[in-house]
Amino acid sequence: MDDPVRVRRVYDPPEDGDGTRVLVDRLWPRGVSKERAAIDVWLKGITPSDELRSWYHQDRSGARHDTFVDRYRTELDDPAHTEAVDRLAGIVRAGGPVTLITAVKEVADSHVPVLVDHLQHVMKRT
């Protein structure tokens, strides 16, 4: 596998190649037991702030996406998120595949691609 970080939805069954499964949502996914989710690490602190998430979801047209991306990138660099970002980078550095798990319906329009991109930059810096 070229990329050690994968992204999957929590509603998909776990696969043997998932490696360490990291939940990157602030809230536990509805209707999913801990056993079924098979989450190894839950990084609540890596998600967008409640304020940013709420602001982004007020307009479902997609018009706020670019601003959301910029604001979330800024949040990922601030001390409130640094510990969680460093922990995730450490999990990736430890080796083996890492699968970021989320419950969002539209992964491409969520915080997850921004997080993956940020993580790649962090990994290159260190």
N, C-alpha and C. Protein backbone atom coordinates (compact mmCIF):
# COMPACT_ATOMS: atom_id res chain seq x y z
N MET A 1 0.85 -1.18 0.00
CA MET A 1 0.00 0.00 0.00
C MET A 1 0.89 1.24 0.00
N ASP A 2 0.68 2.14 -0.98
CA ASP A 2 1.51 3.33 -1.10
C ASP A 2 1.22 4.35 0.00
N ASP A 3 -0.04 4.57 0.27
CA ASP A 3 -0.42 5.57 1.25
C ASP A 3 -0.77 4.88 2.57
N PRO A 4 -0.08 5.22 3.64
CA PRO A 4 -0.36 4.55 4.91
C PRO A 4 -1.66 5.01 5.56
N VAL A 5 -2.31 6.06 5.00
CA VAL A 5 -3.55 6.57 5.59
C VAL A 5 -4.70 6.38 4.61
N ARG A 6 -5.72 5.68 5.10
CA ARG A 6 -6.93 5.47 4.31
C ARG A 6 -8.08 6.16 5.02
N VAL A 7 -9.19 6.32 4.31
CA VAL A 7 -10.39 6.90 4.88
C VAL A 7 -11.56 5.98 4.57
N ARG A 8 -12.35 5.68 5.60
CA ARG A 8 -13.53 4.83 5.41
C ARG A 8 -14.65 5.34 6.29
N ARG A 9 -15.85 5.01 5.91
CA ARG A 9 -17.01 5.35 6.73
C ARG A 9 -17.21 4.28 7.80
N VAL A 10 -17.67 4.69 8.96
CA VAL A 10 -17.86 3.78 10.08
C VAL A 10 -18.94 2.74 9.78
N TYR A 11 -19.82 3.05 8.85
CA TYR A 11 -20.92 2.14 8.53
C TYR A 11 -20.49 1.00 7.62
N ASP A 12 -19.28 1.09 7.07
CA ASP A 12 -18.72 -0.01 6.28
C ASP A 12 -18.06 -0.99 7.23
N PRO A 13 -18.17 -2.28 6.95
CA PRO A 13 -17.55 -3.24 7.87
C PRO A 13 -16.02 -3.11 7.88
N PRO A 14 -15.40 -3.33 9.03
CA PRO A 14 -13.93 -3.29 9.09
C PRO A 14 -13.33 -4.33 8.14
N GLU A 15 -12.14 -3.99 7.64
CA GLU A 15 -11.41 -4.90 6.76
C GLU A 15 -10.07 -5.25 7.39
N ASP A 16 -9.53 -6.39 7.00
CA ASP A 16 -8.25 -6.83 7.55
C ASP A 16 -7.14 -5.81 7.33
N GLY A 17 -7.16 -5.10 6.21
CA GLY A 17 -6.10 -4.16 5.88
C GLY A 17 -6.25 -2.78 6.48
N ASP A 18 -7.25 -2.59 7.36
CA ASP A 18 -7.47 -1.27 7.95
C ASP A 18 -6.36 -0.83 8.88
N GLY A 19 -5.70 -1.75 9.51
CA GLY A 19 -4.67 -1.38 10.47
C GLY A 19 -5.30 -0.70 11.67
N THR A 20 -4.69 0.38 12.13
CA THR A 20 -5.22 1.13 13.26
C THR A 20 -6.39 1.98 12.78
N ARG A 21 -7.54 1.79 13.40
CA ARG A 21 -8.75 2.52 13.01
C ARG A 21 -8.93 3.70 13.97
N VAL A 22 -8.91 4.91 13.40
CA VAL A 22 -8.96 6.13 14.19
C VAL A 22 -10.23 6.90 13.85
N LEU A 23 -11.11 7.05 14.83
CA LEU A 23 -12.34 7.82 14.63
C LEU A 23 -11.98 9.30 14.69
N VAL A 24 -12.33 10.05 13.64
CA VAL A 24 -11.99 11.46 13.56
C VAL A 24 -13.25 12.34 13.55
N ASP A 25 -14.26 11.91 14.28
CA ASP A 25 -15.50 12.68 14.47
C ASP A 25 -15.61 13.05 15.94
N ARG A 26 -16.24 14.18 16.21
CA ARG A 26 -16.40 14.63 17.61
C ARG A 26 -17.43 13.79 18.35
N LEU A 27 -18.50 13.38 17.64
CA LEU A 27 -19.57 12.61 18.26
C LEU A 27 -19.50 11.15 17.83
N TRP A 28 -19.90 10.26 18.73
CA TRP A 28 -19.94 8.84 18.39
C TRP A 28 -21.04 8.64 17.34
N PRO A 29 -20.77 7.84 16.31
CA PRO A 29 -21.76 7.63 15.24
C PRO A 29 -23.03 6.96 15.75
N ARG A 30 -24.15 7.49 15.31
CA ARG A 30 -25.45 6.95 15.72
C ARG A 30 -25.64 5.53 15.22
N GLY A 31 -26.17 4.71 16.11
CA GLY A 31 -26.56 3.36 15.73
C GLY A 31 -25.42 2.39 15.51
N VAL A 32 -24.22 2.74 15.93
CA VAL A 32 -23.07 1.87 15.73
C VAL A 32 -22.49 1.50 17.10
N SER A 33 -22.45 0.21 17.38
CA SER A 33 -21.87 -0.23 18.65
C SER A 33 -20.35 -0.11 18.60
N LYS A 34 -19.75 -0.07 19.76
CA LYS A 34 -18.28 0.01 19.83
C LYS A 34 -17.65 -1.23 19.20
N GLU A 35 -18.28 -2.37 19.38
CA GLU A 35 -17.75 -3.61 18.80
C GLU A 35 -17.80 -3.55 17.27
N ARG A 36 -18.93 -3.12 16.73
CA ARG A 36 -19.09 -3.06 15.27
C ARG A 36 -18.14 -2.03 14.65
N ALA A 37 -17.94 -0.91 15.34
CA ALA A 37 -17.09 0.15 14.81
C ALA A 37 -15.61 -0.26 14.81
N ALA A 38 -15.22 -1.08 15.77
CA ALA A 38 -13.83 -1.55 15.87
C ALA A 38 -12.83 -0.39 15.85
N ILE A 39 -13.10 0.61 16.65
CA ILE A 39 -12.25 1.80 16.72
C ILE A 39 -11.11 1.54 17.72
N ASP A 40 -9.89 1.83 17.29
CA ASP A 40 -8.74 1.68 18.18
C ASP A 40 -8.46 2.97 18.95
N VAL A 41 -8.65 4.11 18.28
CA VAL A 41 -8.36 5.41 18.89
C VAL A 41 -9.46 6.38 18.45
N TRP A 42 -9.93 7.19 19.40
CA TRP A 42 -10.93 8.20 19.08
C TRP A 42 -10.31 9.56 19.37
N LEU A 43 -10.05 10.33 18.31
CA LEU A 43 -9.41 11.64 18.45
C LEU A 43 -10.45 12.75 18.29
N LYS A 44 -11.21 13.00 19.33
CA LYS A 44 -12.23 14.05 19.29
C LYS A 44 -11.59 15.42 19.08
N GLY A 45 -10.40 15.61 19.63
CA GLY A 45 -9.74 16.91 19.58
C GLY A 45 -9.17 17.29 18.23
N ILE A 46 -9.32 16.44 17.24
CA ILE A 46 -8.78 16.74 15.92
C ILE A 46 -9.86 17.27 14.98
N THR A 47 -11.08 17.33 15.47
CA THR A 47 -12.20 17.75 14.64
C THR A 47 -12.35 19.26 14.65
N PRO A 48 -13.10 19.80 13.68
CA PRO A 48 -13.36 21.25 13.71
C PRO A 48 -14.07 21.64 15.00
N SER A 49 -13.85 22.86 15.43
CA SER A 49 -14.53 23.35 16.63
C SER A 49 -16.05 23.30 16.42
N ASP A 50 -16.77 23.28 17.52
CA ASP A 50 -18.24 23.29 17.43
C ASP A 50 -18.72 24.51 16.65
N GLU A 51 -18.09 25.65 16.92
CA GLU A 51 -18.47 26.89 16.24
C GLU A 51 -18.28 26.78 14.73
N LEU A 52 -17.12 26.28 14.31
CA LEU A 52 -16.84 26.17 12.88
C LEU A 52 -17.76 25.14 12.22
N ARG A 53 -17.93 24.03 12.86
CA ARG A 53 -18.80 22.98 12.30
C ARG A 53 -20.22 23.49 12.15
N SER A 54 -20.73 24.16 13.16
CA SER A 54 -22.08 24.70 13.12
C SER A 54 -22.22 25.74 12.02
N TRP A 55 -21.24 26.64 11.91
CA TRP A 55 -21.24 27.66 10.86
C TRP A 55 -21.28 27.02 9.48
N TYR A 56 -20.45 26.02 9.26
CA TYR A 56 -20.36 25.35 7.96
C TYR A 56 -21.67 24.68 7.58
N HIS A 57 -22.32 24.06 8.55
CA HIS A 57 -23.55 23.31 8.25
C HIS A 57 -24.78 24.19 8.14
N GLN A 58 -24.67 25.47 8.42
CA GLN A 58 -25.81 26.38 8.26
C GLN A 58 -26.16 26.61 6.80
N ASP A 59 -25.19 26.40 5.91
CA ASP A 59 -25.42 26.63 4.47
C ASP A 59 -24.97 25.38 3.73
N ARG A 60 -25.93 24.57 3.32
CA ARG A 60 -25.63 23.30 2.64
C ARG A 60 -25.35 23.45 1.14
N SER A 61 -25.33 24.69 0.64
CA SER A 61 -25.12 24.90 -0.79
C SER A 61 -23.69 24.63 -1.23
N GLY A 62 -22.78 24.60 -0.30
CA GLY A 62 -21.37 24.41 -0.64
C GLY A 62 -20.61 25.71 -0.79
N ALA A 63 -21.32 26.83 -0.69
CA ALA A 63 -20.70 28.14 -0.88
C ALA A 63 -19.65 28.46 0.18
N ARG A 64 -19.75 27.82 1.33
CA ARG A 64 -18.83 28.11 2.43
C ARG A 64 -17.63 27.15 2.47
N HIS A 65 -17.57 26.22 1.54
CA HIS A 65 -16.55 25.17 1.63
C HIS A 65 -15.12 25.72 1.67
N ASP A 66 -14.77 26.60 0.75
CA ASP A 66 -13.39 27.11 0.71
C ASP A 66 -13.02 27.85 2.00
N THR A 67 -13.96 28.63 2.52
CA THR A 67 -13.71 29.33 3.77
C THR A 67 -13.59 28.34 4.92
N PHE A 68 -14.44 27.31 4.92
CA PHE A 68 -14.36 26.27 5.93
C PHE A 68 -12.97 25.63 5.92
N VAL A 69 -12.49 25.28 4.73
CA VAL A 69 -11.18 24.64 4.60
C VAL A 69 -10.10 25.54 5.21
N ASP A 70 -10.12 26.82 4.86
CA ASP A 70 -9.12 27.75 5.39
C ASP A 70 -9.20 27.86 6.91
N ARG A 71 -10.42 27.96 7.42
CA ARG A 71 -10.59 28.11 8.88
C ARG A 71 -10.19 26.83 9.62
N TYR A 72 -10.51 25.68 9.05
CA TYR A 72 -10.14 24.42 9.71
C TYR A 72 -8.62 24.23 9.69
N ARG A 73 -7.98 24.58 8.58
CA ARG A 73 -6.51 24.51 8.53
C ARG A 73 -5.89 25.37 9.64
N THR A 74 -6.45 26.55 9.84
CA THR A 74 -5.96 27.44 10.90
C THR A 74 -6.16 26.78 12.26
N GLU A 75 -7.32 26.17 12.46
CA GLU A 75 -7.57 25.49 13.74
C GLU A 75 -6.59 24.34 13.95
N LEU A 76 -6.29 23.59 12.92
CA LEU A 76 -5.38 22.46 13.07
C LEU A 76 -3.98 22.89 13.50
N ASP A 77 -3.61 24.13 13.18
CA ASP A 77 -2.30 24.65 13.58
C ASP A 77 -2.31 25.27 14.97
N ASP A 78 -3.49 25.46 15.57
CA ASP A 78 -3.50 26.12 16.86
C ASP A 78 -3.35 25.09 17.99
N PRO A 79 -2.88 25.56 19.15
CA PRO A 79 -2.56 24.65 20.25
C PRO A 79 -3.70 23.72 20.68
N ALA A 80 -4.93 24.13 20.50
CA ALA A 80 -6.06 23.29 20.90
C ALA A 80 -6.11 21.99 20.10
N HIS A 81 -5.55 21.99 18.91
CA HIS A 81 -5.57 20.80 18.06
C HIS A 81 -4.21 20.10 17.95
N THR A 82 -3.15 20.79 18.33
CA THR A 82 -1.79 20.28 18.13
C THR A 82 -1.56 18.91 18.75
N GLU A 83 -2.04 18.71 19.96
CA GLU A 83 -1.82 17.43 20.64
C GLU A 83 -2.45 16.28 19.85
N ALA A 84 -3.66 16.47 19.38
CA ALA A 84 -4.34 15.41 18.63
C ALA A 84 -3.66 15.17 17.28
N VAL A 85 -3.22 16.24 16.62
CA VAL A 85 -2.51 16.10 15.34
C VAL A 85 -1.21 15.34 15.56
N ASP A 86 -0.48 15.70 16.60
CA ASP A 86 0.78 15.02 16.90
C ASP A 86 0.54 13.54 17.23
N ARG A 87 -0.53 13.27 17.95
CA ARG A 87 -0.84 11.87 18.29
C ARG A 87 -1.14 11.07 17.02
N LEU A 88 -1.92 11.66 16.11
CA LEU A 88 -2.23 10.97 14.85
C LEU A 88 -0.96 10.77 14.03
N ALA A 89 -0.12 11.77 13.96
CA ALA A 89 1.14 11.64 13.22
C ALA A 89 2.00 10.53 13.83
N GLY A 90 2.00 10.43 15.15
CA GLY A 90 2.75 9.36 15.83
C GLY A 90 2.21 7.98 15.49
N ILE A 91 0.91 7.86 15.39
CA ILE A 91 0.29 6.57 15.01
C ILE A 91 0.72 6.19 13.60
N VAL A 92 0.73 7.16 12.71
CA VAL A 92 1.14 6.88 11.32
C VAL A 92 2.62 6.51 11.28
N ARG A 93 3.45 7.24 12.02
CA ARG A 93 4.89 6.96 12.04
C ARG A 93 5.21 5.59 12.63
N ALA A 94 4.35 5.10 13.51
CA ALA A 94 4.58 3.81 14.15
C ALA A 94 4.54 2.66 13.14
N GLY A 95 4.01 2.93 11.99
CA GLY A 95 4.00 1.92 10.92
C GLY A 95 2.67 1.21 10.79
N GLY A 96 2.54 0.56 9.68
CA GLY A 96 1.29 -0.13 9.40
C GLY A 96 0.25 0.83 8.89
N PRO A 97 -0.76 0.31 8.27
CA PRO A 97 -1.79 1.20 7.75
C PRO A 97 -2.58 1.85 8.88
N VAL A 98 -3.10 3.04 8.60
CA VAL A 98 -3.98 3.76 9.50
C VAL A 98 -5.22 4.13 8.70
N THR A 99 -6.38 3.85 9.25
CA THR A 99 -7.63 4.17 8.58
C THR A 99 -8.38 5.19 9.42
N LEU A 100 -8.61 6.35 8.81
CA LEU A 100 -9.41 7.37 9.47
C LEU A 100 -10.87 7.02 9.24
N ILE A 101 -11.61 6.95 10.33
CA ILE A 101 -13.00 6.53 10.29
C ILE A 101 -13.90 7.72 10.57
N THR A 102 -14.94 7.86 9.77
CA THR A 102 -15.89 8.95 9.93
C THR A 102 -17.31 8.49 9.64
N ALA A 103 -18.27 9.21 10.17
CA ALA A 103 -19.68 8.91 9.92
C ALA A 103 -20.28 9.85 8.88
N VAL A 104 -19.55 10.84 8.44
CA VAL A 104 -20.12 11.82 7.51
C VAL A 104 -20.55 11.15 6.21
N LYS A 105 -21.65 11.65 5.65
CA LYS A 105 -22.18 11.07 4.40
C LYS A 105 -21.32 11.43 3.20
N GLU A 106 -20.97 12.69 3.10
CA GLU A 106 -20.18 13.19 1.98
C GLU A 106 -18.76 13.46 2.44
N VAL A 107 -17.94 12.45 2.42
CA VAL A 107 -16.58 12.57 2.94
C VAL A 107 -15.80 13.67 2.22
N ALA A 108 -15.95 13.78 0.91
CA ALA A 108 -15.20 14.76 0.13
C ALA A 108 -15.49 16.20 0.54
N ASP A 109 -16.67 16.45 1.08
CA ASP A 109 -17.05 17.81 1.48
C ASP A 109 -16.92 18.03 2.98
N SER A 110 -16.24 17.14 3.65
CA SER A 110 -16.14 17.21 5.11
C SER A 110 -14.76 17.69 5.55
N HIS A 111 -14.52 17.59 6.83
CA HIS A 111 -13.23 17.95 7.41
C HIS A 111 -12.15 16.91 7.11
N VAL A 112 -12.54 15.72 6.72
CA VAL A 112 -11.58 14.63 6.59
C VAL A 112 -10.51 14.87 5.51
N PRO A 113 -10.86 15.29 4.28
CA PRO A 113 -9.79 15.55 3.31
C PRO A 113 -8.83 16.65 3.76
N VAL A 114 -9.34 17.65 4.46
CA VAL A 114 -8.49 18.73 4.98
C VAL A 114 -7.52 18.14 6.01
N LEU A 115 -8.03 17.27 6.86
CA LEU A 115 -7.21 16.62 7.88
C LEU A 115 -6.13 15.76 7.24
N VAL A 116 -6.49 14.98 6.24
CA VAL A 116 -5.51 14.13 5.55
C VAL A 116 -4.41 14.97 4.93
N ASP A 117 -4.78 16.06 4.26
CA ASP A 117 -3.80 16.95 3.64
C ASP A 117 -2.89 17.57 4.70
N HIS A 118 -3.48 18.02 5.79
CA HIS A 118 -2.69 18.61 6.88
C HIS A 118 -1.71 17.58 7.45
N LEU A 119 -2.19 16.37 7.65
CA LEU A 119 -1.35 15.31 8.19
C LEU A 119 -0.17 15.03 7.26
N GLN A 120 -0.42 15.02 5.97
CA GLN A 120 0.66 14.79 5.01
C GLN A 120 1.73 15.88 5.12
N HIS A 121 1.29 17.13 5.30
CA HIS A 121 2.25 18.22 5.46
C HIS A 121 3.03 18.10 6.77
N VAL A 122 2.35 17.71 7.83
CA VAL A 122 3.03 17.52 9.12
C VAL A 122 4.07 16.42 9.00
N MET A 123 3.73 15.34 8.33
CA MET A 123 4.64 14.20 8.18
C MET A 123 5.89 14.60 7.36
N LYS A 124 5.72 15.47 6.40
CA LYS A 124 6.86 15.91 5.58
C LYS A 124 7.78 16.85 6.35
N ARG A 125 7.20 17.62 7.29
CA ARG A 125 7.99 18.60 8.06
C ARG A 125 8.89 17.92 9.08
N THR A 126 8.48 16.75 9.54
CA THR A 126 9.23 16.13 10.63
C THR A 126 9.94 14.89 10.19
